[in-house]
Protein backbone atom coordinates (compact mmCIF):
# COMPACT_ATOMS: atom_id res chain seq x y z
CA SER A 1 0.11 24.04 47.76
CA THR A 2 0.82 23.17 44.13
CA PRO A 3 1.30 19.46 43.38
CA PRO A 4 4.69 18.53 41.95
CA ALA A 5 5.06 18.33 38.19
CA PRO A 6 4.45 14.88 36.68
CA ALA A 7 8.18 14.31 36.13
CA ALA A 8 8.82 15.00 39.81
CA ARG A 9 6.14 12.51 40.87
CA SER A 10 7.21 9.73 38.46
CA HIS A 11 10.16 8.62 40.60
CA ARG A 12 7.69 7.64 43.31
CA ALA A 13 5.63 5.31 41.14
CA THR A 14 5.41 1.76 42.40
CA PRO A 15 3.60 -1.30 41.08
CA ALA A 16 0.44 -2.30 42.91
CA PRO A 17 0.80 -5.21 45.34
CA GLY A 18 1.13 -8.50 43.48
CA VAL A 19 1.78 -7.02 40.03
CA LEU A 20 5.42 -8.04 39.75
CA GLU A 21 4.65 -11.52 41.06
CA ALA A 22 1.76 -11.85 38.61
CA ILE A 23 4.14 -11.06 35.74
CA THR A 24 6.97 -13.32 36.87
CA ASP A 25 4.61 -16.20 37.74
CA ALA A 26 2.44 -15.90 34.59
CA ASP A 27 2.01 -18.58 31.96
CA LEU A 28 1.63 -15.90 29.27
CA VAL A 29 1.90 -12.10 29.21
CA ILE A 30 0.12 -10.16 26.48
CA LEU A 31 0.93 -6.51 25.82
CA PRO A 32 -2.31 -5.03 24.50
CA PRO A 33 -2.82 -3.06 21.28
CA SER A 34 -2.81 0.12 23.32
CA ASN A 35 -0.90 3.36 22.90
CA PRO A 36 2.80 2.41 23.12
CA VAL A 37 3.72 5.80 24.58
CA VAL A 38 1.13 6.85 27.15
CA SER A 39 -0.45 3.49 27.97
CA VAL A 40 2.02 0.62 27.62
CA GLY A 41 5.02 2.95 27.83
CA THR A 42 3.83 4.38 31.12
CA ILE A 43 3.35 0.91 32.58
CA LEU A 44 6.80 -0.18 31.41
CA ALA A 45 8.28 2.89 33.12
CA VAL A 46 6.99 1.84 36.56
CA PRO A 47 10.03 0.60 38.49
CA GLY A 48 10.29 -3.19 38.40
CA VAL A 49 7.82 -3.87 35.57
CA ARG A 50 10.34 -4.01 32.72
CA ASP A 51 12.64 -6.17 34.87
CA ALA A 52 9.77 -8.53 35.72
CA LEU A 53 9.03 -8.92 32.00
CA ALA A 54 12.68 -9.70 31.36
CA LYS A 55 12.75 -12.32 34.14
CA THR A 56 9.46 -14.14 33.58
CA ALA A 57 9.64 -17.59 32.04
CA ALA A 58 6.33 -16.83 30.33
CA PRO A 59 6.26 -15.86 26.67
CA VAL A 60 5.54 -12.14 26.22
CA ILE A 61 3.39 -11.47 23.17
CA GLY A 62 2.50 -7.99 21.96
CA VAL A 63 -0.45 -7.01 19.80
CA SER A 64 0.03 -4.10 17.43
CA GLY A 65 -2.28 -1.12 17.79
CA ILE A 66 -0.84 0.25 14.55
CA VAL A 67 -2.56 -1.10 11.44
CA GLY A 68 -1.58 0.01 7.97
CA ASN A 69 0.86 2.65 9.30
CA ASP A 70 -1.74 4.43 11.41
CA HIS A 71 -3.23 4.01 14.86
CA VAL A 72 -6.57 2.31 15.20
CA ARG A 73 -7.75 4.98 17.62
CA GLY A 74 -6.34 7.63 19.91
CA MET A 75 -3.16 9.61 19.43
CA ALA A 76 -0.47 6.96 19.01
CA ARG A 77 0.55 8.28 15.58
CA GLN A 78 1.30 11.74 16.93
CA LEU A 79 2.99 10.51 20.11
CA LEU A 80 5.17 7.93 18.37
CA GLY A 81 6.42 10.65 16.07
CA THR A 82 7.23 12.82 19.07
CA ILE A 83 9.52 10.15 20.55
CA GLY A 84 11.08 9.28 17.18
CA VAL A 85 9.45 5.90 16.65
CA GLU A 86 8.29 4.98 13.16
CA VAL A 87 4.51 4.78 12.95
CA SER A 88 4.21 1.20 11.76
CA ALA A 89 3.61 -2.18 13.30
CA ALA A 90 7.31 -2.97 12.76
CA GLY A 91 8.41 0.36 14.24
CA VAL A 92 6.50 -0.30 17.45
CA ALA A 93 7.79 -3.89 17.66
CA GLU A 94 11.35 -2.60 17.32
CA HIS A 95 10.60 0.07 19.94
CA TYR A 96 9.50 -2.61 22.43
CA GLY A 97 12.46 -4.76 21.39
CA ALA A 98 13.22 -8.46 21.53
CA ARG A 99 13.44 -9.87 25.03
CA ASN A 100 16.45 -11.89 23.98
CA GLY A 101 18.14 -8.76 22.64
CA GLU A 102 20.94 -6.73 24.16
CA HIS A 103 18.91 -3.56 24.68
CA GLY A 104 16.44 -4.69 27.34
CA GLY A 105 13.55 -5.48 25.03
CA VAL A 106 10.26 -6.79 26.39
CA ILE A 107 8.59 -9.00 23.76
CA ASP A 108 9.11 -12.47 22.35
CA GLY A 109 6.31 -12.35 19.78
CA TRP A 110 4.31 -9.74 17.92
CA LEU A 111 0.94 -9.94 16.21
CA VAL A 112 0.37 -7.59 13.29
CA ASP A 113 -2.73 -7.14 11.21
CA THR A 114 -2.97 -8.96 7.89
CA VAL A 115 -2.52 -5.65 6.01
CA ASP A 116 0.93 -5.43 7.63
CA GLU A 117 2.01 -8.93 6.58
CA PRO A 118 4.87 -7.51 4.45
CA LEU A 119 6.43 -6.26 7.75
CA VAL A 120 6.67 -9.75 9.29
CA PRO A 121 10.22 -10.45 7.96
CA ARG A 122 11.45 -7.10 9.32
CA VAL A 123 10.05 -7.83 12.79
CA GLU A 124 11.55 -11.31 12.72
CA ALA A 125 14.91 -9.85 11.68
CA ALA A 126 14.75 -7.87 14.95
CA GLY A 127 14.63 -11.20 16.84
CA ILE A 128 10.86 -11.16 17.48
CA ARG A 129 8.57 -13.98 16.31
CA CYS A 130 5.80 -12.43 14.26
CA ARG A 131 2.53 -13.44 12.67
CA ALA A 132 -0.03 -11.51 10.62
CA VAL A 133 -3.64 -12.15 11.65
CA PRO A 134 -6.85 -10.11 11.62
CA LEU A 135 -6.55 -7.72 14.59
CA MET A 136 -9.76 -5.72 14.33
CA MET A 137 -11.89 -6.82 17.27
CA THR A 138 -15.19 -6.46 15.44
CA ASP A 139 -17.01 -9.11 17.49
CA HIS A 140 -16.43 -11.81 20.08
CA ASP A 141 -15.34 -14.39 17.50
CA ALA A 142 -12.75 -12.04 15.96
CA THR A 143 -11.40 -11.25 19.41
CA ALA A 144 -11.26 -14.94 20.33
CA ASP A 145 -9.41 -15.70 17.08
CA MET A 146 -6.82 -13.05 17.96
CA VAL A 147 -6.31 -14.58 21.41
CA VAL A 148 -5.90 -18.03 19.87
CA ALA A 149 -3.28 -16.56 17.49
CA ALA A 150 -1.42 -15.08 20.50
CA LEU A 151 -1.48 -18.46 22.27
CA ASP A 152 -0.26 -20.18 19.14
CA LEU A 153 2.56 -17.67 18.64
CA ALA A 154 3.54 -18.23 22.28
CA GLY A 155 3.63 -21.98 21.69
CA LEU A 156 0.86 -22.65 24.19
């Protein structure tokens, strides 16, 4: 028999055991610089995940995978355009939305690359704390610096 189309299967998606508890009990949640449509977007579409992010007392910090109005790798540029989201670090932050906003947003803070520093006021105007730091994970030290920036933005 033919398997059901992906849309028909999506209503049966469930989080793995412990996932919702891990989110709600976390000290910090970081949304990775991954494709906001097919990676992070797919995870947020799993029933209960978005609600767990809204309920957690932990800060939720996102890391932009868009640098200088283009994706770092993959197909985010094309896919964001398909769903009508501006291909910029600010566009993706607004797409995720402020957790304290009225539209069910999921982030409290957003890290953008230093080349996108002019976008920081726009992101903050959307109710999301924002900081521009080097985001290219070129080595362990650069990656560690990015994590420290996320912790600092979260107030931890």
